[in-house]
C-alpha atoms as a PDB file:
ATOM      1  CA  MET A   1     202.842  72.179  39.191  1.00  0.00           C
ATOM      2  CA  ASN A   2     203.139  72.053  35.506  1.00  0.00           C
ATOM      3  CA  VAL A   3     206.276  69.270  35.720  1.00  0.00           C
ATOM      4  CA  LYS A   4     208.496  69.220  32.621  1.00  0.00           C
ATOM      5  CA  THR A   5     209.192  66.217  31.234  1.00  0.00           C
ATOM      6  CA  ALA A   6     210.967  64.636  27.809  1.00  0.00           C
ATOM      7  CA  GLY A   7     209.750  62.624  25.379  1.00  0.00           C
ATOM      8  CA  ILE A   8     212.699  61.635  22.958  1.00  0.00           C
ATOM      9  CA  ASP A   9     213.053  60.206  19.400  1.00  0.00           C
ATOM     10  CA  GLU A  10     214.388  59.364  16.006  1.00  0.00           C
ATOM     11  CA  ALA A  11     213.455  58.906  12.954  1.00  0.00           C
ATOM     12  CA  GLY A  12     216.125  57.131  10.125  1.00  0.00           C
ATOM     13  CA  LYS A  13     217.971  54.628  11.995  1.00  0.00           C
ATOM     14  CA  GLY A  14     217.739  52.008   9.462  1.00  0.00           C
ATOM     15  CA  PRO A  15     217.640  53.622   5.362  1.00  0.00           C
ATOM     16  CA  VAL A  16     220.673  53.340   3.437  1.00  0.00           C
ATOM     17  CA  ILE A  17     219.587  56.721   1.941  1.00  0.00           C
ATOM     18  CA  GLY A  18     219.418  60.191   4.015  1.00  0.00           C
ATOM     19  CA  PRO A  19     219.615  61.520   7.058  1.00  0.00           C
ATOM     20  CA  LEU A  20     219.160  60.459  10.914  1.00  0.00           C
ATOM     21  CA  VAL A  21     216.782  62.802  12.639  1.00  0.00           C
ATOM     22  CA  VAL A  22     216.830  62.941  16.691  1.00  0.00           C
ATOM     23  CA  CYS A  23     213.831  64.598  18.218  1.00  0.00           C
ATOM     24  CA  GLY A  24     213.833  66.004  22.032  1.00  0.00           C
ATOM     25  CA  VAL A  25     210.650  67.751  23.165  1.00  0.00           C
ATOM     26  CA  LEU A  26     210.054  69.408  26.757  1.00  0.00           C
ATOM     27  CA  CYS A  27     206.303  69.245  27.837  1.00  0.00           C
ATOM     28  CA  GLY A  28     204.100  69.873  30.856  1.00  0.00           C
ATOM     29  CA  GLU A  29     201.200  67.604  31.885  1.00  0.00           C
ATOM     30  CA  ARG A  30     198.649  70.599  30.383  1.00  0.00           C
ATOM     31  CA  GLU A  31     200.764  70.761  26.567  1.00  0.00           C
ATOM     32  CA  ILE A  32     200.623  66.594  26.324  1.00  0.00           C
ATOM     33  CA  GLU A  33     197.368  67.216  27.445  1.00  0.00           C
ATOM     34  CA  ILE A  34     196.345  69.767  24.690  1.00  0.00           C
ATOM     35  CA  LEU A  35     198.409  67.851  21.805  1.00  0.00           C
ATOM     36  CA  GLU A  36     196.715  64.767  22.898  1.00  0.00           C
ATOM     37  CA  SER A  37     193.339  65.964  22.566  1.00  0.00           C
ATOM     38  CA  ALA A  38     194.559  67.183  18.835  1.00  0.00           C
ATOM     39  CA  GLY A  39     195.346  63.805  18.544  1.00  0.00           C
ATOM     40  CA  VAL A  40     198.768  63.408  18.759  1.00  0.00           C
ATOM     41  CA  LYS A  41     200.053  59.307  18.478  1.00  0.00           C
ATOM     42  CA  ASP A  42     202.738  57.317  17.171  1.00  0.00           C
ATOM     43  CA  SER A  43     204.239  58.908  13.943  1.00  0.00           C
ATOM     44  CA  LYS A  44     203.502  56.048  11.989  1.00  0.00           C
ATOM     45  CA  LYS A  45     199.842  55.770  12.653  1.00  0.00           C
ATOM     46  CA  LEU A  46     199.089  59.236  11.352  1.00  0.00           C
ATOM     47  CA  SER A  47     199.138  60.567   8.022  1.00  0.00           C
ATOM     48  CA  ARG A  48     202.073  62.649   6.359  1.00  0.00           C
ATOM     49  CA  GLU A  49     199.363  65.362   5.892  1.00  0.00           C
ATOM     50  CA  ARG A  50     198.563  65.068   9.398  1.00  0.00           C
ATOM     51  CA  ARG A  51     202.060  64.777  11.060  1.00  0.00           C
ATOM     52  CA  GLU A  52     202.367  68.141   9.155  1.00  0.00           C
ATOM     53  CA  GLU A  53     199.845  69.872  10.821  1.00  0.00           C
ATOM     54  CA  LEU A  54     200.339  68.719  14.482  1.00  0.00           C
ATOM     55  CA  TYR A  55     204.379  69.491  13.765  1.00  0.00           C
ATOM     56  CA  ASP A  56     202.834  73.509  13.903  1.00  0.00           C
ATOM     57  CA  LEU A  57     201.169  73.105  16.833  1.00  0.00           C
ATOM     58  CA  ILE A  58     204.025  70.913  18.675  1.00  0.00           C
ATOM     59  CA  LEU A  59     206.422  74.021  17.806  1.00  0.00           C
ATOM     60  CA  GLU A  60     204.390  76.372  19.514  1.00  0.00           C
ATOM     61  CA  THR A  61     203.186  73.949  22.720  1.00  0.00           C
ATOM     62  CA  CYS A  62     206.651  72.687  23.217  1.00  0.00           C
ATOM     63  CA  ASN A  63     210.019  73.623  23.516  1.00  0.00           C
ATOM     64  CA  VAL A  64     212.157  71.259  20.659  1.00  0.00           C
ATOM     65  CA  LYS A  65     215.547  70.274  20.064  1.00  0.00           C
ATOM     66  CA  VAL A  66     216.747  68.380  16.858  1.00  0.00           C
ATOM     67  CA  ILE A  67     219.905  67.058  16.082  1.00  0.00           C
ATOM     68  CA  LYS A  68     220.350  65.889  12.031  1.00  0.00           C
ATOM     69  CA  PHE A  69     222.841  63.251  10.877  1.00  0.00           C
ATOM     70  CA  SER A  70     223.983  63.692   7.281  1.00  0.00           C
ATOM     71  CA  ALA A  71     224.607  60.467   5.655  1.00  0.00           C
ATOM     72  CA  GLU A  72     227.960  62.234   4.816  1.00  0.00           C
ATOM     73  CA  GLU A  73     228.154  62.549   9.276  1.00  0.00           C
ATOM     74  CA  LEU A  74     227.003  59.233   9.804  1.00  0.00           C
ATOM     75  CA  ASN A  75     229.554  57.872   7.296  1.00  0.00           C
ATOM     76  CA  GLU A  76     232.715  59.816   9.191  1.00  0.00           C
ATOM     77  CA  LEU A  77     230.996  59.114  12.785  1.00  0.00           C
ATOM     78  CA  MET A  78     230.982  55.247  12.035  1.00  0.00           C
ATOM     79  CA  GLY A  79     234.374  55.075  11.478  1.00  0.00           C
ATOM     80  CA  ARG A  80     234.750  55.571  15.612  1.00  0.00           C
ATOM     81  CA  TYR A  81     231.154  54.533  16.805  1.00  0.00           C
ATOM     82  CA  THR A  82     227.840  52.444  16.295  1.00  0.00           C
ATOM     83  CA  ILE A  83     224.739  53.991  15.428  1.00  0.00           C
ATOM     84  CA  ASN A  84     223.742  53.402  18.751  1.00  0.00           C
ATOM     85  CA  GLN A  85     226.497  55.228  20.178  1.00  0.00           C
ATOM     86  CA  ILE A  86     225.868  57.699  17.749  1.00  0.00           C
ATOM     87  CA  LEU A  87     221.983  57.935  19.388  1.00  0.00           C
ATOM     88  CA  LYS A  88     223.181  57.948  22.499  1.00  0.00           C
ATOM     89  CA  ARG A  89     225.043  60.784  22.479  1.00  0.00           C
ATOM     90  CA  ALA A  90     222.216  62.549  20.862  1.00  0.00           C
ATOM     91  CA  TYR A  91     220.102  61.708  23.116  1.00  0.00           C
ATOM     92  CA  VAL A  92     223.010  62.955  26.086  1.00  0.00           C
ATOM     93  CA  GLU A  93     223.004  66.312  24.322  1.00  0.00           C
ATOM     94  CA  ILE A  94     219.139  66.894  24.199  1.00  0.00           C
ATOM     95  CA  ILE A  95     218.942  65.667  27.551  1.00  0.00           C
ATOM     96  CA  ARG A  96     221.629  68.407  28.743  1.00  0.00           C
ATOM     97  CA  SER A  97     220.152  71.070  26.397  1.00  0.00           C
ATOM     98  CA  LEU A  98     216.229  70.577  27.411  1.00  0.00           C
ATOM     99  CA  LYS A  99     216.630  69.577  31.348  1.00  0.00           C
ATOM    100  CA  PRO A 100     213.645  67.913  32.163  1.00  0.00           C
ATOM    101  CA  LYS A 101     212.455  66.340  35.178  1.00  0.00           C
ATOM    102  CA  VAL A 102     212.296  62.985  33.791  1.00  0.00           C
ATOM    103  CA  ALA A 103     213.210  61.571  29.899  1.00  0.00           C
ATOM    104  CA  TYR A 104     211.088  59.358  28.672  1.00  0.00           C
ATOM    105  CA  ILE A 105     213.175  57.945  25.680  1.00  0.00           C
ATOM    106  CA  ASP A 106     212.501  55.275  22.873  1.00  0.00           C
ATOM    107  CA  CYS A 107     215.132  52.583  23.253  1.00  0.00           C
ATOM    108  CA  PRO A 108     217.470  51.755  20.810  1.00  0.00           C
ATOM    109  CA  GLU A 109     218.848  48.954  22.405  1.00  0.00           C
ATOM    110  CA  ARG A 110     217.826  45.230  23.275  1.00  0.00           C
ATOM    111  CA  ASN A 111     219.198  45.681  27.008  1.00  0.00           C
ATOM    112  CA  VAL A 112     217.433  48.585  27.984  1.00  0.00           C
ATOM    113  CA  GLU A 113     218.590  48.771  32.081  1.00  0.00           C
ATOM    114  CA  ALA A 114     222.143  49.165  30.647  1.00  0.00           C
ATOM    115  CA  PHE A 115     220.930  52.328  28.461  1.00  0.00           C
ATOM    116  CA  LYS A 116     218.752  53.537  30.836  1.00  0.00           C
ATOM    117  CA  HIS A 117     221.518  53.751  33.128  1.00  0.00           C
ATOM    118  CA  GLU A 118     224.069  54.515  31.261  1.00  0.00           C
ATOM    119  CA  ILE A 119     222.298  57.645  29.964  1.00  0.00           C
ATOM    120  CA  GLU A 120     221.392  58.622  33.776  1.00  0.00           C
ATOM    121  CA  GLU A 121     224.858  58.536  34.764  1.00  0.00           C
ATOM    122  CA  LYS A 122     225.699  61.064  32.046  1.00  0.00           C
ATOM    123  CA  THR A 123     223.176  63.349  32.011  1.00  0.00           C
ATOM    124  CA  GLY A 124     221.931  63.470  36.419  1.00  0.00           C
ATOM    125  CA  VAL A 125     218.537  62.897  34.755  1.00  0.00           C
ATOM    126  CA  GLU A 126     216.042  60.250  35.575  1.00  0.00           C
ATOM    127  CA  VAL A 127     214.930  58.103  32.440  1.00  0.00           C
ATOM    128  CA  ILE A 128     212.258  56.417  31.557  1.00  0.00           C
ATOM    129  CA  ALA A 129     213.359  53.735  28.571  1.00  0.00           C
ATOM    130  CA  THR A 130     211.282  51.193  26.405  1.00  0.00           C
ATOM    131  CA  HIS A 131     211.120  49.522  23.130  1.00  0.00           C
ATOM    132  CA  LYS A 132     208.402  50.941  21.457  1.00  0.00           C
ATOM    133  CA  ALA A 133     207.787  54.295  23.426  1.00  0.00           C
ATOM    134  CA  ASP A 134     206.535  56.064  21.045  1.00  0.00           C
ATOM    135  CA  GLU A 135     203.484  53.782  20.973  1.00  0.00           C
ATOM    136  CA  ILE A 136     203.064  54.130  24.918  1.00  0.00           C
ATOM    137  CA  PHE A 137     203.834  57.366  26.582  1.00  0.00           C
ATOM    138  CA  THR A 138     202.489  60.352  24.465  1.00  0.00           C
ATOM    139  CA  VAL A 139     205.677  62.967  25.039  1.00  0.00           C
ATOM    140  CA  VAL A 140     207.414  60.525  22.894  1.00  0.00           C
ATOM    141  CA  SER A 141     204.879  60.428  20.317  1.00  0.00           C
ATOM    142  CA  ILE A 142     205.583  64.437  20.308  1.00  0.00           C
ATOM    143  CA  ALA A 143     208.833  63.552  19.587  1.00  0.00           C
ATOM    144  CA  SER A 144     208.243  61.448  16.788  1.00  0.00           C
ATOM    145  CA  VAL A 145     206.261  63.549  15.035  1.00  0.00           C
ATOM    146  CA  VAL A 146     208.596  66.023  14.991  1.00  0.00           C
ATOM    147  CA  ALA A 147     211.723  63.479  14.089  1.00  0.00           C
ATOM    148  CA  LYS A 148     209.714  62.293  11.466  1.00  0.00           C
ATOM    149  CA  VAL A 149     208.588  65.399   9.747  1.00  0.00           C
ATOM    150  CA  GLU A 150     211.411  67.007   9.470  1.00  0.00           C
ATOM    151  CA  ARG A 151     213.482  63.908   8.078  1.00  0.00           C
ATOM    152  CA  ASP A 152     210.494  63.374   5.360  1.00  0.00           C
ATOM    153  CA  ARG A 153     211.550  67.509   4.673  1.00  0.00           C
ATOM    154  CA  GLU A 154     215.077  66.467   3.654  1.00  0.00           C
ATOM    155  CA  ILE A 155     214.194  63.441   1.974  1.00  0.00           C
ATOM    156  CA  ASP A 156     212.185  65.739  -0.456  1.00  0.00           C
ATOM    157  CA  ARG A 157     214.911  68.095  -0.759  1.00  0.00           C
ATOM    158  CA  LEU A 158     217.124  65.221  -1.460  1.00  0.00           C
ATOM    159  CA  LYS A 159     214.770  64.319  -4.368  1.00  0.00           C
ATOM    160  CA  LYS A 160     214.808  67.154  -6.235  1.00  0.00           C
ATOM    161  CA  ILE A 161     218.461  66.914  -6.280  1.00  0.00           C
ATOM    162  CA  TYR A 162     218.656  63.016  -7.021  1.00  0.00           C
ATOM    163  CA  GLY A 163     215.283  61.845  -8.277  1.00  0.00           C
ATOM    164  CA  ASP A 164     213.372  59.910  -6.753  1.00  0.00           C
ATOM    165  CA  PHE A 165     215.009  56.928  -4.787  1.00  0.00           C
ATOM    166  CA  GLY A 166     211.752  55.754  -2.589  1.00  0.00           C
ATOM    167  CA  SER A 167     211.623  55.697   0.903  1.00  0.00           C
ATOM    168  CA  GLY A 168     215.261  55.267   1.501  1.00  0.00           C
ATOM    169  CA  TYR A 169     214.989  52.106   3.021  1.00  0.00           C
ATOM    170  CA  PRO A 170     216.997  48.586   1.872  1.00  0.00           C
ATOM    171  CA  SER A 171     213.782  46.814   1.951  1.00  0.00           C
ATOM    172  CA  ASP A 172     212.038  49.486  -0.700  1.00  0.00           C
ATOM    173  CA  ARG A 173     212.464  48.369  -4.436  1.00  0.00           C
ATOM    174  CA  ARG A 174     212.608  51.456  -5.689  1.00  0.00           C
ATOM    175  CA  THR A 175     215.361  52.128  -4.020  1.00  0.00           C
ATOM    176  CA  ILE A 176     217.325  49.046  -4.487  1.00  0.00           C
ATOM    177  CA  GLU A 177     216.806  49.923  -7.983  1.00  0.00           C
ATOM    178  CA  PHE A 178     218.079  53.570  -7.304  1.00  0.00           C
ATOM    179  CA  LEU A 179     220.884  52.579  -6.182  1.00  0.00           C
ATOM    180  CA  ARG A 180     222.104  49.627  -8.702  1.00  0.00           C
ATOM    181  CA  ASN A 181     221.453  52.625 -11.459  1.00  0.00           C
ATOM    182  CA  TYR A 182     223.322  55.184  -9.988  1.00  0.00           C
ATOM    183  CA  LEU A 183     226.168  52.891  -9.333  1.00  0.00           C
ATOM    184  CA  LYS A 184     226.214  51.563 -12.676  1.00  0.00           C
ATOM    185  CA  ARG A 185     226.063  55.288 -14.192  1.00  0.00           C
ATOM    186  CA  HIS A 186     228.821  56.627 -11.821  1.00  0.00           C
ATOM    187  CA  GLY A 187     230.448  54.069 -10.879  1.00  0.00           C
ATOM    188  CA  GLU A 188     230.335  55.098  -7.395  1.00  0.00           C
ATOM    189  CA  PHE A 189     227.328  55.558  -4.503  1.00  0.00           C
ATOM    190  CA  PRO A 190     225.945  59.356  -4.175  1.00  0.00           C
ATOM    191  CA  PRO A 191     226.771  60.722  -0.895  1.00  0.00           C
ATOM    192  CA  ILE A 192     223.937  60.620   0.486  1.00  0.00           C
ATOM    193  CA  VAL A 193     224.178  56.627   1.177  1.00  0.00           C
ATOM    194  CA  ARG A 194     225.539  55.390   4.272  1.00  0.00           C
ATOM    195  CA  LYS A 195     228.659  53.504   2.994  1.00  0.00           C
ATOM    196  CA  ARG A 196     228.790  51.376   5.777  1.00  0.00           C
ATOM    197  CA  TRP A 197     225.500  49.484   5.575  1.00  0.00           C
ATOM    198  CA  ARG A 198     225.924  46.138   4.211  1.00  0.00           C
ATOM    199  CA  THR A 199     223.167  46.914   1.713  1.00  0.00           C
ATOM    200  CA  LEU A 200     226.097  48.189  -0.361  1.00  0.00           C
ATOM    201  CA  LYS A 201     228.027  45.298  -0.553  1.00  0.00           C
ATOM    202  CA  ARG A 202     224.881  43.207  -1.751  1.00  0.00           C
ATOM    203  CA  ILE A 203     224.083  45.612  -4.254  1.00  0.00           C
ATOM    204  CA  ALA A 204     227.254  45.895  -5.975  1.00  0.00           C
ATOM    205  CA  THR A 205     227.695  41.738  -6.056  1.00  0.00           C
ATOM    206  CA  ALA A 206     224.104  40.681  -6.440  1.00  0.00           C
ATOM    207  CA  THR A 207     221.383  41.179  -9.016  1.00  0.00           C
ATOM    208  CA  LEU A 208     218.226  42.791  -8.322  1.00  0.00           C
ATOM    209  CA  ASN A 209     216.284  39.553  -8.383  1.00  0.00           C
ATOM    210  CA  ASP A 210     218.970  37.872  -6.222  1.00  0.00           C
ATOM    211  CA  PHE A 211     218.735  40.471  -3.458  1.00  0.00           C
ATOM    212  CA  PHE A 212     214.708  40.562  -3.185  1.00  0.00           C
ATOM    213  CA  ASN A 213     215.244  36.537  -3.741  1.00  0.00           C
ATOM    214  CA  LEU A 214     212.473  36.343  -6.430  1.00  0.00           C
END
């Protein structure tokens, strides 16, 4: 019996630029074994080229559900919800769509048990949640690969429009330089920016050296 389980992960929770991508995959034991043999593991431990190669195999092997939130959509939603609430709504939608026997989730919150029970109550599906689930469960690693590839492609598309802004993370010097220069030229931040991130207030009031505490 090839029991179907779901793995769910996200890419892009923390960046100040670009989308949040949430992915769920539905795989049976045989499919997971195939992908393990192909070298699937936590997306952070794979090169971009390898993720792209595995991405195609994953789509051929598993049922996949992807939800994307642009920066503009996050700006609107975060007037009403926290980023973790937005993630939970996406997780519930994915579980209801894929209808797994069990869902494995990379938990975004400190209180894992409360998170697990909330998702179970809303879906009626057994949930196994933990921090760093993408490193522990192959089915979550599979989801992490798809989420990362989807986000990387979105970032590439945005860079063709706005130029090279680095990774989009607030720890990236190139990202901070891009935002400061854009603000100086246009008097506002670009629409691809998450306007509720504290990083933007710091950029608007501090020098680049101050920001990095040099």
